[in-house]
């Protein structure tokens, strides 16, 4: 019975090109974060006024506001940013290079979990690259 459920799940959500792209993008984010490269991390987001971010504080718009918040909250070095871990839970291809990606994430510092949760990221074409244009983190 379990084997049948697993096979059905894989048939519904096979490893697709979109999932593979999501895995690569997430691996890039993790590597940048864990090197302490805040500016590199910020480049994975669309640097436009209509980029959106939702978290416990509500909904905000605008890259500059988001970037300032990230720099203030996490700093700009590996020592202040901690260690990021991300697992892709699901990815859906939206066409034209875009995708919807659901991840489980956590940030640890000195072995202690600082924060984490689940995040939904909308990746789309932005200024010649595929970047995050909308994210909801909880």
Foldseek 3Di string as FASTA:
>chain_A
DVVVVVVVVCVVAPCDPQNVVVVVLVVQLQVCLQQLALVSNLVLAFQAQAQWEQEPVGIDGGSVVVSVVCCVCQNRGNQRNAGKDKDWPHKDDPPPPKIKTKIWMFGDHPNHTPDTGIKIFIWHDHPRDTHTRYMYGD
